[in-house]
Structure formats: structure tokens, C-alpha cells
Amino acid sequence: RGWFAEVDTCADPHYDASGLGRVHRRGAPSAICLSSPCAAEPSFRIGDRGALAGAIAPGVRQDGKWFFATSPEVKNKVISHGVDRDTVYAVMESIWPDGRRTEMNCRMKSDRLEIFLLGEGEIALQIPAFDFDGETRTEQVVAKHALEVHYQGWQCCYSSPEKIADLLQTACNRNGYYRLYAIEGCNALSCKITIDPENA
């Protein structure tokens, strides 16, 4: 298929973050979507910015702020995975300290990755968008229902029927900086991720 994705359910905060932490398409720059999760307490540092956990991960609203499943306080587990005709899938359940639950269904097809998130009340999906590799800054095009990242002749697009909000935060991994966004919804939301050459 040419795609690779990895879900981490109990990440070491010195190296990784829980959630969907790696998404690659063959031939594309590894960092354009997410080369590896962004650690909350990294054993390495890039620059002097504070560290934040970053992965494609569900969140719930708590005390007026988003609380994401990248936190070690959240219990995550894969409850099913397999192949359904032309789709490879994995479903991750997250349980918050107050008992709330979300279910993130990741479905990989030949040309895209689809994510369906279910929960109760206000929910979100964290999106780390690649921003800077230390030499080159990506071009990010942000609209209400779509976010595009342009880098080295490739385009990564996140699209959703729900609102995409800029969290005004930055996380980092060994490849560079990622600007954090959130797709925000109520009870259910979805996201489609595509990675394609610019001239496709």
C-alpha cells in the first residue's frame, strides 16, 4: 500500500507520546505528516522552547481547556485491529481520570487515512502539523475545515467537516517543530489525511 502508521498506547514521556504517533507514505518526506511522536519530557532538546506532548490523539474538554490522550494520566488500549477488504484498521479506546471514554477508529486505505472519533460531549483530535526542520519552514494553509502542509514538493492535507482550530502551541521531535491544531466536535468527529506530490 505504501503507507505506514503506528499507534502507541502507553508511551514513555521521555521518548514518545500516546496516540497515533507515526504516519508515513512511501516516497514522501518522513516528517511531512508525523515522523514520530513529540515527547512531553524529552531526553533531547531542540532549541530552548518548553516541551509538549504531540501525537494524533483524542481529547476532551476539562476546565475550559483540551486534555489530550497523550497525557500519562489517560489509559489507552487498542480494542480491535485487522483488515476489512481494502482497509487496515485499529481502534484505540481512551479512558480519562474522570471516567470519560473516547474511541478513535483509524482506517488506512490505499490513498488516505481516515480517523473517526466518538465520545460524549465536547471532544477533539490533536493534529501536530509539521512547521520547521531547522533550515526550512513549511507552508501551512489553514481554513475552517482543512489544513494543508507543503514541504519539499509534497502536500499533507487534513480535512474534516468539523472546525479546525489553532492551539497556538508548538511541540517538537528529532525532525523539528510541529504546530499543534485541534479538530473540535461534539460526540463525534472525523478527519481525512492525504499525502500526495504537489504535482499529482
Protein backbone atom coordinates (compact mmCIF):
# COMPACT_ATOMS: atom_id res chain seq x y z
CA ARG A 1 0.00 0.00 0.00
CA GLY A 2 2.91 2.35 0.58
CA TRP A 3 1.55 3.66 3.89
CA PHE A 4 2.72 3.07 7.47
CA ALA A 5 1.06 4.09 10.74
CA GLU A 6 1.79 3.25 14.37
CA VAL A 7 -0.36 3.63 17.49
CA ASP A 8 1.28 3.83 20.93
CA THR A 9 -0.98 3.23 23.93
CA CYS A 10 1.43 3.59 26.87
CA ALA A 11 4.27 5.82 25.73
CA ASP A 12 7.38 6.66 27.73
CA PRO A 13 7.12 10.50 28.04
CA HIS A 14 10.90 10.79 27.63
CA TYR A 15 10.74 9.35 24.09
CA ASP A 16 7.18 9.26 22.74
CA ALA A 17 3.55 10.25 23.28
CA SER A 18 0.47 8.05 23.25
CA GLY A 19 -1.82 8.15 20.24
CA LEU A 20 -1.22 7.80 16.52
CA GLY A 21 2.42 8.83 16.50
CA ARG A 22 3.80 7.83 13.12
CA VAL A 23 2.19 8.30 9.71
CA HIS A 24 4.27 7.83 6.55
CA ARG A 25 3.67 7.42 2.86
CA ARG A 26 6.34 5.82 0.68
CA GLY A 27 8.36 8.46 -1.19
CA ALA A 28 7.17 11.41 0.90
CA PRO A 29 9.45 13.28 3.34
CA SER A 30 9.11 11.37 6.62
CA ALA A 31 8.35 14.49 8.66
CA ILE A 32 5.58 15.92 6.47
CA CYS A 33 2.80 14.23 8.45
CA LEU A 34 4.30 12.82 11.64
CA SER A 35 7.68 11.06 11.70
CA SER A 36 7.49 10.26 15.40
CA PRO A 37 5.52 11.49 18.43
CA CYS A 38 6.63 14.59 20.34
CA ALA A 39 7.71 13.74 23.89
CA ALA A 40 6.48 15.71 26.92
CA GLU A 41 9.72 15.17 28.87
CA PRO A 42 12.30 14.55 26.14
CA SER A 43 15.78 13.30 26.87
CA PHE A 44 16.85 15.59 24.00
CA ARG A 45 16.06 19.26 23.32
CA ILE A 46 15.69 21.31 20.16
CA GLY A 47 16.25 24.97 20.98
CA ASP A 48 15.00 26.49 24.20
CA ARG A 49 11.25 26.01 23.85
CA GLY A 50 9.33 24.12 26.50
CA ALA A 51 8.29 20.57 25.67
CA LEU A 52 4.73 19.49 24.88
CA ALA A 53 3.40 16.04 24.04
CA GLY A 54 2.26 15.73 20.44
CA ALA A 55 0.53 12.95 18.50
CA ILE A 56 -2.68 12.49 16.55
CA ALA A 57 -4.72 11.83 19.66
CA PRO A 58 -8.22 12.31 21.10
CA GLY A 59 -9.03 14.95 23.67
CA VAL A 60 -11.84 16.04 25.98
CA ARG A 61 -12.68 19.44 27.40
CA GLN A 62 -11.68 19.87 31.05
CA ASP A 63 -11.81 23.15 33.00
CA GLY A 64 -12.18 25.07 29.75
CA LYS A 65 -9.09 23.50 28.14
CA TRP A 66 -8.38 20.49 25.95
CA PHE A 67 -6.96 17.47 27.78
CA PHE A 68 -5.42 15.02 25.31
CA ALA A 69 -4.79 11.28 25.50
CA THR A 70 -1.06 11.98 25.12
CA SER A 71 -1.07 12.51 28.91
CA PRO A 72 0.16 9.58 31.03
CA GLU A 73 -2.94 10.15 33.20
CA VAL A 74 -5.10 8.73 30.39
CA LYS A 75 -5.36 4.97 29.98
CA ASN A 76 -5.24 3.88 26.33
CA LYS A 77 -5.64 0.47 24.74
CA VAL A 78 -6.20 -0.97 21.28
CA ILE A 79 -9.53 -2.80 21.44
CA SER A 80 -9.56 -4.15 17.88
CA HIS A 81 -7.43 -4.22 14.75
CA GLY A 82 -7.29 -6.08 11.47
CA VAL A 83 -8.06 -5.95 7.76
CA ASP A 84 -11.51 -5.35 6.26
CA ARG A 85 -11.40 -5.79 2.45
CA ASP A 86 -9.33 -2.82 1.22
CA THR A 87 -8.89 -1.24 4.68
CA VAL A 88 -6.40 -1.80 7.50
CA TYR A 89 -7.82 -0.58 10.81
CA ALA A 90 -7.08 -0.14 14.52
CA VAL A 91 -9.42 1.13 17.22
CA MET A 92 -7.98 2.80 20.34
CA GLU A 93 -10.07 3.37 23.45
CA SER A 94 -9.01 6.13 25.87
CA ILE A 95 -10.24 6.40 29.45
CA TRP A 96 -9.78 9.72 31.28
CA PRO A 97 -9.28 10.02 35.06
CA ASP A 98 -12.91 11.16 35.49
CA GLY A 99 -14.20 8.06 33.70
CA ARG A 100 -14.96 9.60 30.32
CA ARG A 101 -14.14 7.46 27.29
CA THR A 102 -13.38 8.05 23.66
CA GLU A 103 -12.95 5.63 20.80
CA MET A 104 -10.59 6.50 17.92
CA ASN A 105 -11.04 4.36 14.81
CA CYS A 106 -8.09 4.70 12.37
CA ARG A 107 -8.77 3.29 8.90
CA MET A 108 -5.98 3.17 6.31
CA LYS A 109 -6.85 2.85 2.63
CA SER A 110 -4.60 2.89 -0.43
CA ASP A 111 -4.86 6.68 -0.86
CA ARG A 112 -5.73 8.07 2.56
CA LEU A 113 -6.01 7.61 6.32
CA GLU A 114 -9.44 8.19 7.87
CA ILE A 115 -10.00 8.76 11.58
CA PHE A 116 -13.39 8.59 13.29
CA LEU A 117 -13.61 9.73 16.92
CA LEU A 118 -16.53 9.02 19.25
CA GLY A 119 -17.09 10.36 22.76
CA GLU A 120 -19.56 12.18 24.99
CA GLY A 121 -19.87 15.95 24.83
CA GLU A 122 -17.03 18.16 23.61
CA ILE A 123 -14.23 16.15 22.02
CA ALA A 124 -11.19 16.98 19.89
CA LEU A 125 -8.49 15.38 17.79
CA GLN A 126 -4.99 16.82 18.22
CA ILE A 127 -3.15 17.40 14.93
CA PRO A 128 0.62 18.17 15.02
CA ALA A 129 1.36 19.94 11.71
CA PHE A 130 5.00 19.98 10.60
CA ASP A 131 6.36 23.54 10.78
CA PHE A 132 10.17 23.79 10.71
CA ASP A 133 13.08 21.35 10.20
CA GLY A 134 15.83 23.68 11.43
CA GLU A 135 16.55 25.05 7.96
CA THR A 136 13.30 25.16 6.02
CA ARG A 137 9.88 26.32 7.18
CA THR A 138 6.86 24.56 5.70
CA GLU A 139 3.99 26.42 4.10
CA GLN A 140 0.81 25.90 6.10
CA VAL A 141 -2.57 26.83 4.60
CA VAL A 142 -5.31 26.88 7.21
CA ALA A 143 -9.05 27.08 6.57
CA LYS A 144 -12.06 26.29 8.74
CA HIS A 145 -12.32 22.68 7.54
CA ALA A 146 -8.87 21.95 6.08
CA LEU A 147 -5.20 22.26 6.94
CA GLU A 148 -2.50 21.85 4.29
CA VAL A 149 1.23 21.41 4.90
CA HIS A 150 3.53 21.95 1.88
CA TYR A 151 7.12 20.70 2.14
CA GLN A 152 9.79 19.51 -0.31
CA GLY A 153 7.38 19.13 -3.23
CA TRP A 154 4.75 17.24 -1.22
CA GLN A 155 1.44 18.16 0.38
CA CYS A 156 -0.15 16.71 3.52
CA CYS A 157 -3.81 17.62 3.90
CA TYR A 158 -6.01 17.20 6.98
CA SER A 159 -9.71 17.74 6.22
CA SER A 160 -12.81 17.49 8.36
CA PRO A 161 -16.48 18.53 8.39
CA GLU A 162 -15.73 19.94 11.85
CA LYS A 163 -13.82 23.11 12.77
CA ILE A 164 -10.01 23.04 12.80
CA ALA A 165 -8.58 25.34 15.49
CA ASP A 166 -5.01 26.57 16.02
CA LEU A 167 -3.95 25.75 19.59
CA LEU A 168 -1.12 28.33 19.36
CA GLN A 169 1.32 25.76 20.77
CA THR A 170 4.42 24.06 19.42
CA ALA A 171 5.78 20.57 20.07
CA CYS A 172 8.98 19.04 18.74
CA ASN A 173 10.69 15.78 17.90
CA ARG A 174 14.06 14.98 16.33
CA ASN A 175 12.86 16.17 12.92
CA GLY A 176 11.88 19.65 14.09
CA TYR A 177 8.89 21.68 15.24
CA TYR A 178 5.19 20.86 14.89
CA ARG A 179 2.43 23.43 15.35
CA LEU A 180 -0.50 21.97 17.28
CA TYR A 181 -4.05 22.17 15.95
CA ALA A 182 -7.29 20.52 17.09
CA ILE A 183 -10.33 19.34 15.20
CA GLU A 184 -13.20 20.20 17.54
CA GLY A 185 -16.59 18.48 17.68
CA CYS A 186 -19.39 17.19 19.89
CA ASN A 187 -19.96 13.45 20.42
CA ALA A 188 -18.41 12.51 17.05
CA LEU A 189 -15.91 13.89 14.55
CA SER A 190 -13.84 12.72 11.62
CA CYS A 191 -10.62 13.55 9.81
CA LYS A 192 -9.18 12.52 6.46
CA ILE A 193 -5.41 12.65 5.91
CA THR A 194 -3.85 12.52 2.45
CA ILE A 195 -0.18 12.81 1.45
CA ASP A 196 0.50 13.49 -2.21
CA PRO A 197 3.13 15.02 -4.50
CA GLU A 198 2.39 18.68 -5.26
CA ASN A 199 2.03 17.97 -8.99
CA ALA A 200 -0.21 14.90 -8.62
